[in-house]
Amino acid sequence: MAAKPAIVGGFILGALALGVAAILFFGQLRLFTTTTRLVAFFDESVAGLDVGAPVTFQGVRIGSVQSITVEFSTKTIVARVPVVLELDPHKIIWQGHSLTGSEEDYHRLLDAGLRAKLAQ
């Protein structure tokens, strides 16, 4: 019995499609999830903090660390560390409604006392 090229090609394309779908699904690539980026500034050491570390609030993961840099002031010769956080607004509920991701929502959370701190 001879192999039919169309069947073999279809099998290979199907396997390739399944492989790509598995990578997207198990790799937790969030194609349709909207996120908000915020910056937290730290004056103290951020030793142990890495890109990809979870951002949690009372044990609930609400985002992750996207980047960590060092910023020096040429006037005061003081360093601070800006840490870019990516938050999922759907993980934070404000009075029964998910956050819209607007700047006003985050100002309300800051006014309510939401702050970033390092913890082990």
C-alpha atoms as a PDB file:
ATOM      1  CA  MET A   1       0.000   0.000   0.000  1.00  0.00           C
ATOM      2  CA  ALA A   2       1.515   3.366  -1.061  1.00  0.00           C
ATOM      3  CA  ALA A   3       1.423   6.434   1.181  1.00  0.00           C
ATOM      4  CA  LYS A   4      -0.804   9.198  -0.133  1.00  0.00           C
ATOM      5  CA  PRO A   5       0.909  12.613  -0.021  1.00  0.00           C
ATOM      6  CA  ALA A   6      -2.316  14.473   0.816  1.00  0.00           C
ATOM      7  CA  ILE A   7      -2.990  12.317   3.888  1.00  0.00           C
ATOM      8  CA  VAL A   8       0.601  12.550   5.115  1.00  0.00           C
ATOM      9  CA  GLY A   9       0.600  16.353   4.587  1.00  0.00           C
ATOM     10  CA  GLY A  10      -2.714  16.698   6.414  1.00  0.00           C
ATOM     11  CA  PHE A  11      -1.402  14.651   9.316  1.00  0.00           C
ATOM     12  CA  ILE A  12       1.728  16.820   9.567  1.00  0.00           C
ATOM     13  CA  LEU A  13      -0.269  20.077   9.431  1.00  0.00           C
ATOM     14  CA  GLY A  14      -2.692  18.766  12.063  1.00  0.00           C
ATOM     15  CA  ALA A  15       0.172  17.774  14.374  1.00  0.00           C
ATOM     16  CA  LEU A  16       1.786  21.191  13.880  1.00  0.00           C
ATOM     17  CA  ALA A  17      -1.492  22.964  14.712  1.00  0.00           C
ATOM     18  CA  LEU A  18      -1.933  20.856  17.857  1.00  0.00           C
ATOM     19  CA  GLY A  19       1.654  21.648  18.905  1.00  0.00           C
ATOM     20  CA  VAL A  20       1.125  25.402  18.519  1.00  0.00           C
ATOM     21  CA  ALA A  21      -2.195  25.213  20.418  1.00  0.00           C
ATOM     22  CA  ALA A  22      -0.526  23.286  23.259  1.00  0.00           C
ATOM     23  CA  ILE A  23       2.278  25.843  23.533  1.00  0.00           C
ATOM     24  CA  LEU A  24      -0.216  28.714  23.686  1.00  0.00           C
ATOM     25  CA  PHE A  25      -2.459  26.941  26.199  1.00  0.00           C
ATOM     26  CA  PHE A  26       0.191  25.534  28.540  1.00  0.00           C
ATOM     27  CA  GLY A  27       2.490  28.538  28.166  1.00  0.00           C
ATOM     28  CA  GLN A  28      -0.249  30.710  29.685  1.00  0.00           C
ATOM     29  CA  LEU A  29      -0.067  33.171  26.836  1.00  0.00           C
ATOM     30  CA  ARG A  30      -2.936  35.548  27.469  1.00  0.00           C
ATOM     31  CA  LEU A  31      -3.844  36.856  24.042  1.00  0.00           C
ATOM     32  CA  PHE A  32      -7.215  38.359  24.931  1.00  0.00           C
ATOM     33  CA  THR A  33      -6.512  39.529  28.483  1.00  0.00           C
ATOM     34  CA  THR A  34      -6.180  43.257  29.074  1.00  0.00           C
ATOM     35  CA  THR A  35      -3.571  44.295  31.596  1.00  0.00           C
ATOM     36  CA  THR A  36      -2.439  47.573  33.106  1.00  0.00           C
ATOM     37  CA  ARG A  37       1.154  48.562  33.716  1.00  0.00           C
ATOM     38  CA  LEU A  38       2.059  50.489  36.844  1.00  0.00           C
ATOM     39  CA  VAL A  39       5.410  51.615  38.232  1.00  0.00           C
ATOM     40  CA  ALA A  40       6.388  51.250  41.901  1.00  0.00           C
ATOM     41  CA  PHE A  41       9.535  53.045  43.092  1.00  0.00           C
ATOM     42  CA  PHE A  42      11.696  51.509  45.817  1.00  0.00           C
ATOM     43  CA  ASP A  43      14.476  53.297  47.701  1.00  0.00           C
ATOM     44  CA  GLU A  44      15.634  50.134  49.491  1.00  0.00           C
ATOM     45  CA  SER A  45      17.197  46.950  48.157  1.00  0.00           C
ATOM     46  CA  VAL A  46      15.090  44.749  45.925  1.00  0.00           C
ATOM     47  CA  ALA A  47      17.412  41.742  46.296  1.00  0.00           C
ATOM     48  CA  GLY A  48      15.609  38.552  45.328  1.00  0.00           C
ATOM     49  CA  LEU A  49      13.011  40.295  43.161  1.00  0.00           C
ATOM     50  CA  ASP A  50      13.064  39.036  39.580  1.00  0.00           C
ATOM     51  CA  VAL A  51      11.176  39.704  36.363  1.00  0.00           C
ATOM     52  CA  GLY A  52       8.171  37.395  36.281  1.00  0.00           C
ATOM     53  CA  ALA A  53       7.740  37.362  40.073  1.00  0.00           C
ATOM     54  CA  PRO A  54       4.098  37.334  41.152  1.00  0.00           C
ATOM     55  CA  VAL A  55       2.404  40.469  42.458  1.00  0.00           C
ATOM     56  CA  THR A  56       0.012  39.428  45.212  1.00  0.00           C
ATOM     57  CA  PHE A  57      -2.458  41.136  47.503  1.00  0.00           C
ATOM     58  CA  GLN A  58      -3.234  39.150  50.645  1.00  0.00           C
ATOM     59  CA  GLY A  59      -2.178  35.960  48.866  1.00  0.00           C
ATOM     60  CA  VAL A  60      -4.169  36.566  45.655  1.00  0.00           C
ATOM     61  CA  ARG A  61      -2.063  36.874  42.516  1.00  0.00           C
ATOM     62  CA  ILE A  62      -3.116  40.056  40.726  1.00  0.00           C
ATOM     63  CA  GLY A  63      -0.177  40.471  38.360  1.00  0.00           C
ATOM     64  CA  SER A  64       3.527  40.055  37.773  1.00  0.00           C
ATOM     65  CA  VAL A  65       6.790  42.009  37.665  1.00  0.00           C
ATOM     66  CA  GLN A  66       7.677  43.070  34.110  1.00  0.00           C
ATOM     67  CA  SER A  67      10.963  44.965  34.521  1.00  0.00           C
ATOM     68  CA  ILE A  68      13.409  46.204  37.140  1.00  0.00           C
ATOM     69  CA  THR A  69      15.898  49.023  36.537  1.00  0.00           C
ATOM     70  CA  VAL A  70      18.016  51.459  38.536  1.00  0.00           C
ATOM     71  CA  GLU A  71      17.473  55.198  38.163  1.00  0.00           C
ATOM     72  CA  PHE A  72      20.063  57.705  39.395  1.00  0.00           C
ATOM     73  CA  SER A  73      19.384  61.387  40.028  1.00  0.00           C
ATOM     74  CA  THR A  74      22.238  63.553  38.763  1.00  0.00           C
ATOM     75  CA  LYS A  75      21.224  66.403  41.046  1.00  0.00           C
ATOM     76  CA  THR A  76      20.936  64.552  44.355  1.00  0.00           C
ATOM     77  CA  ILE A  77      23.122  61.505  43.543  1.00  0.00           C
ATOM     78  CA  VAL A  78      20.368  59.282  44.925  1.00  0.00           C
ATOM     79  CA  ALA A  79      19.324  55.987  43.371  1.00  0.00           C
ATOM     80  CA  ARG A  80      15.863  54.516  43.282  1.00  0.00           C
ATOM     81  CA  VAL A  81      14.564  51.370  41.659  1.00  0.00           C
ATOM     82  CA  PRO A  82      11.509  51.636  39.380  1.00  0.00           C
ATOM     83  CA  VAL A  83       9.722  48.289  39.128  1.00  0.00           C
ATOM     84  CA  VAL A  84       7.159  47.935  36.347  1.00  0.00           C
ATOM     85  CA  LEU A  85       4.173  45.832  37.447  1.00  0.00           C
ATOM     86  CA  GLU A  86       1.599  44.369  35.098  1.00  0.00           C
ATOM     87  CA  LEU A  87      -1.773  43.993  36.841  1.00  0.00           C
ATOM     88  CA  ASP A  88      -4.867  42.147  35.695  1.00  0.00           C
ATOM     89  CA  PRO A  89      -7.745  44.583  36.364  1.00  0.00           C
ATOM     90  CA  HIS A  90     -10.257  41.714  36.369  1.00  0.00           C
ATOM     91  CA  LYS A  91      -8.629  40.313  39.524  1.00  0.00           C
ATOM     92  CA  ILE A  92      -9.451  43.493  41.471  1.00  0.00           C
ATOM     93  CA  ILE A  93     -13.101  44.276  42.214  1.00  0.00           C
ATOM     94  CA  TRP A  94     -14.146  47.795  43.192  1.00  0.00           C
ATOM     95  CA  GLN A  95     -17.551  47.846  44.915  1.00  0.00           C
ATOM     96  CA  GLY A  96     -18.950  44.932  42.939  1.00  0.00           C
ATOM     97  CA  HIS A  97     -17.455  45.927  39.575  1.00  0.00           C
ATOM     98  CA  SER A  98     -14.177  45.005  37.902  1.00  0.00           C
ATOM     99  CA  LEU A  99     -11.741  47.824  37.373  1.00  0.00           C
ATOM    100  CA  THR A 100     -11.997  49.502  34.003  1.00  0.00           C
ATOM    101  CA  GLY A 101      -8.243  50.033  33.913  1.00  0.00           C
ATOM    102  CA  SER A 102      -8.660  53.797  33.894  1.00  0.00           C
ATOM    103  CA  GLU A 103      -6.255  56.086  35.707  1.00  0.00           C
ATOM    104  CA  GLU A 104      -9.120  57.237  37.960  1.00  0.00           C
ATOM    105  CA  ASP A 105      -9.654  53.675  39.259  1.00  0.00           C
ATOM    106  CA  TYR A 106      -6.026  53.383  40.311  1.00  0.00           C
ATOM    107  CA  HIS A 107      -6.051  56.816  41.950  1.00  0.00           C
ATOM    108  CA  ARG A 108      -9.054  55.658  44.009  1.00  0.00           C
ATOM    109  CA  LEU A 109      -7.145  52.532  45.051  1.00  0.00           C
ATOM    110  CA  LEU A 110      -4.109  54.630  46.036  1.00  0.00           C
ATOM    111  CA  ASP A 111      -6.353  56.962  48.035  1.00  0.00           C
ATOM    112  CA  ALA A 112      -7.796  53.865  49.751  1.00  0.00           C
ATOM    113  CA  GLY A 113      -4.285  52.867  50.863  1.00  0.00           C
ATOM    114  CA  LEU A 114      -3.088  50.389  48.209  1.00  0.00           C
ATOM    115  CA  ARG A 115       0.743  50.371  48.278  1.00  0.00           C
ATOM    116  CA  ALA A 116       3.525  48.145  46.970  1.00  0.00           C
ATOM    117  CA  LYS A 117       5.985  46.525  49.347  1.00  0.00           C
ATOM    118  CA  LEU A 118       8.531  43.777  49.108  1.00  0.00           C
ATOM    119  CA  ALA A 119       7.836  40.552  50.977  1.00  0.00           C
ATOM    120  CA  GLN A 120       9.315  37.063  50.992  1.00  0.00           C
END
